[in-house]
Amino acid sequence: MYSHQTARALYDQSDLNPSKLHMTVPRDFRPSSDIPGILKLHYADLPECDVKPAQGYKVTPPLRTILDLLEEGKVEQRFIR
């Protein structure tokens, strides 16, 4: 599911485009092949309320996205309104 900087871009919460596609996968996810360099995986077991279906994909909802970015230190609190 798309999350973090990618979700922020999908919601037009920023005019910055991420250099990688950020996705959250379950903690027990084990890839069967190498992860492409364009992907940045985040490992978390999210509750169903933090999964929003979109057109052919899933994305974290806006609040979860902001909380993830704050937790990761990727956005300063002064920019959150």
C-alpha atoms as a PDB file:
ATOM      1  CA  MET A   1       0.000   0.000   0.000  1.00  0.00           C
ATOM      2  CA  TYR A   2       1.284   3.482  -0.810  1.00  0.00           C
ATOM      3  CA  SER A   3       2.328   5.497   2.230  1.00  0.00           C
ATOM      4  CA  HIS A   4       4.659   8.175   3.553  1.00  0.00           C
ATOM      5  CA  GLN A   5       5.980  10.584   0.878  1.00  0.00           C
ATOM      6  CA  THR A   6       4.097   8.809  -1.926  1.00  0.00           C
ATOM      7  CA  ALA A   7       0.757   9.092  -0.108  1.00  0.00           C
ATOM      8  CA  ARG A   8       1.524  12.742   0.644  1.00  0.00           C
ATOM      9  CA  ALA A   9       2.037  13.358  -3.080  1.00  0.00           C
ATOM     10  CA  LEU A  10      -1.173  11.474  -3.980  1.00  0.00           C
ATOM     11  CA  TYR A  11      -3.126  13.741  -1.620  1.00  0.00           C
ATOM     12  CA  ASP A  12      -1.435  16.896  -2.969  1.00  0.00           C
ATOM     13  CA  GLN A  13      -0.214  17.637   0.559  1.00  0.00           C
ATOM     14  CA  SER A  14       3.081  18.846  -0.864  1.00  0.00           C
ATOM     15  CA  ASP A  15       4.507  20.106  -4.113  1.00  0.00           C
ATOM     16  CA  LEU A  16       7.539  17.833  -3.656  1.00  0.00           C
ATOM     17  CA  ASN A  17       7.660  14.600  -5.635  1.00  0.00           C
ATOM     18  CA  PRO A  18       9.297  11.686  -3.837  1.00  0.00           C
ATOM     19  CA  SER A  19      12.357  10.141  -5.484  1.00  0.00           C
ATOM     20  CA  LYS A  20      11.058   6.664  -4.594  1.00  0.00           C
ATOM     21  CA  LEU A  21       7.674   4.991  -4.262  1.00  0.00           C
ATOM     22  CA  HIS A  22       7.048   4.519  -0.548  1.00  0.00           C
ATOM     23  CA  MET A  23       4.986   1.504   0.403  1.00  0.00           C
ATOM     24  CA  THR A  24       4.033  -0.021   3.740  1.00  0.00           C
ATOM     25  CA  VAL A  25       4.022  -3.811   3.895  1.00  0.00           C
ATOM     26  CA  PRO A  26       3.246  -6.174   6.793  1.00  0.00           C
ATOM     27  CA  ARG A  27       6.068  -6.770   9.276  1.00  0.00           C
ATOM     28  CA  ASP A  28       6.308 -10.411   8.255  1.00  0.00           C
ATOM     29  CA  PHE A  29       6.630  -9.590   4.526  1.00  0.00           C
ATOM     30  CA  ARG A  30       9.575 -11.425   3.002  1.00  0.00           C
ATOM     31  CA  PRO A  31      10.214 -10.694  -0.687  1.00  0.00           C
ATOM     32  CA  SER A  32      10.989 -13.635  -2.953  1.00  0.00           C
ATOM     33  CA  SER A  33      13.270 -11.465  -5.104  1.00  0.00           C
ATOM     34  CA  ASP A  34      15.267  -8.257  -4.832  1.00  0.00           C
ATOM     35  CA  ILE A  35      13.295  -5.093  -4.121  1.00  0.00           C
ATOM     36  CA  PRO A  36      13.550  -2.683  -7.085  1.00  0.00           C
ATOM     37  CA  GLY A  37      15.567   0.432  -6.281  1.00  0.00           C
ATOM     38  CA  ILE A  38      12.574   2.666  -7.008  1.00  0.00           C
ATOM     39  CA  LEU A  39      10.746   1.251  -3.956  1.00  0.00           C
ATOM     40  CA  LYS A  40      11.236   2.211  -0.315  1.00  0.00           C
ATOM     41  CA  LEU A  41       9.504  -0.309   1.938  1.00  0.00           C
ATOM     42  CA  HIS A  42       8.224   0.491   5.417  1.00  0.00           C
ATOM     43  CA  TYR A  43       7.260  -2.432   7.645  1.00  0.00           C
ATOM     44  CA  ALA A  44       4.146  -2.107   9.815  1.00  0.00           C
ATOM     45  CA  ASP A  45       0.989  -4.035  10.607  1.00  0.00           C
ATOM     46  CA  LEU A  46      -1.653  -1.378  10.054  1.00  0.00           C
ATOM     47  CA  PRO A  47      -5.247  -1.693  11.242  1.00  0.00           C
ATOM     48  CA  GLU A  48      -7.948  -1.713   8.588  1.00  0.00           C
ATOM     49  CA  CYS A  49      -8.875   1.897   9.489  1.00  0.00           C
ATOM     50  CA  ASP A  50      -5.422   2.944   8.221  1.00  0.00           C
ATOM     51  CA  VAL A  51      -6.000   1.408   4.795  1.00  0.00           C
ATOM     52  CA  LYS A  52      -7.901   3.443   2.221  1.00  0.00           C
ATOM     53  CA  PRO A  53      -8.892   1.835  -1.080  1.00  0.00           C
ATOM     54  CA  ALA A  54      -8.348   4.000  -4.143  1.00  0.00           C
ATOM     55  CA  GLN A  55      -8.618   3.369  -7.884  1.00  0.00           C
ATOM     56  CA  GLY A  56      -6.736   0.085  -8.222  1.00  0.00           C
ATOM     57  CA  TYR A  57      -4.446   0.560  -5.229  1.00  0.00           C
ATOM     58  CA  LYS A  58      -4.479   1.135  -1.482  1.00  0.00           C
ATOM     59  CA  VAL A  59      -3.058   4.143   0.339  1.00  0.00           C
ATOM     60  CA  THR A  60      -2.759   5.275   3.927  1.00  0.00           C
ATOM     61  CA  PRO A  61      -5.350   7.946   4.797  1.00  0.00           C
ATOM     62  CA  PRO A  62      -4.177  11.577   5.176  1.00  0.00           C
ATOM     63  CA  LEU A  63      -3.894  11.556   8.979  1.00  0.00           C
ATOM     64  CA  ARG A  64      -1.919   8.275   9.029  1.00  0.00           C
ATOM     65  CA  THR A  65       0.310   9.689   6.291  1.00  0.00           C
ATOM     66  CA  ILE A  66       1.100  12.816   8.309  1.00  0.00           C
ATOM     67  CA  LEU A  67       1.726  10.789  11.477  1.00  0.00           C
ATOM     68  CA  ASP A  68       4.102   8.481   9.584  1.00  0.00           C
ATOM     69  CA  LEU A  69       6.041  11.441   8.200  1.00  0.00           C
ATOM     70  CA  LEU A  70       6.241  13.109  11.624  1.00  0.00           C
ATOM     71  CA  GLU A  71       7.399   9.877  13.257  1.00  0.00           C
ATOM     72  CA  GLU A  72      10.044   9.440  10.574  1.00  0.00           C
ATOM     73  CA  GLY A  73      11.203  13.040  10.978  1.00  0.00           C
ATOM     74  CA  LYS A  74      10.512  13.819   7.312  1.00  0.00           C
ATOM     75  CA  VAL A  75       8.341  16.857   7.963  1.00  0.00           C
ATOM     76  CA  GLU A  76       8.712  19.548  10.592  1.00  0.00           C
ATOM     77  CA  GLN A  77       5.808  20.016  12.990  1.00  0.00           C
ATOM     78  CA  ARG A  78       5.654  23.722  12.150  1.00  0.00           C
ATOM     79  CA  PHE A  79       4.479  22.772   8.635  1.00  0.00           C
ATOM     80  CA  ILE A  80       1.505  20.801   9.946  1.00  0.00           C
ATOM     81  CA  ARG A  81      -1.746  22.704  10.297  1.00  0.00           C
END
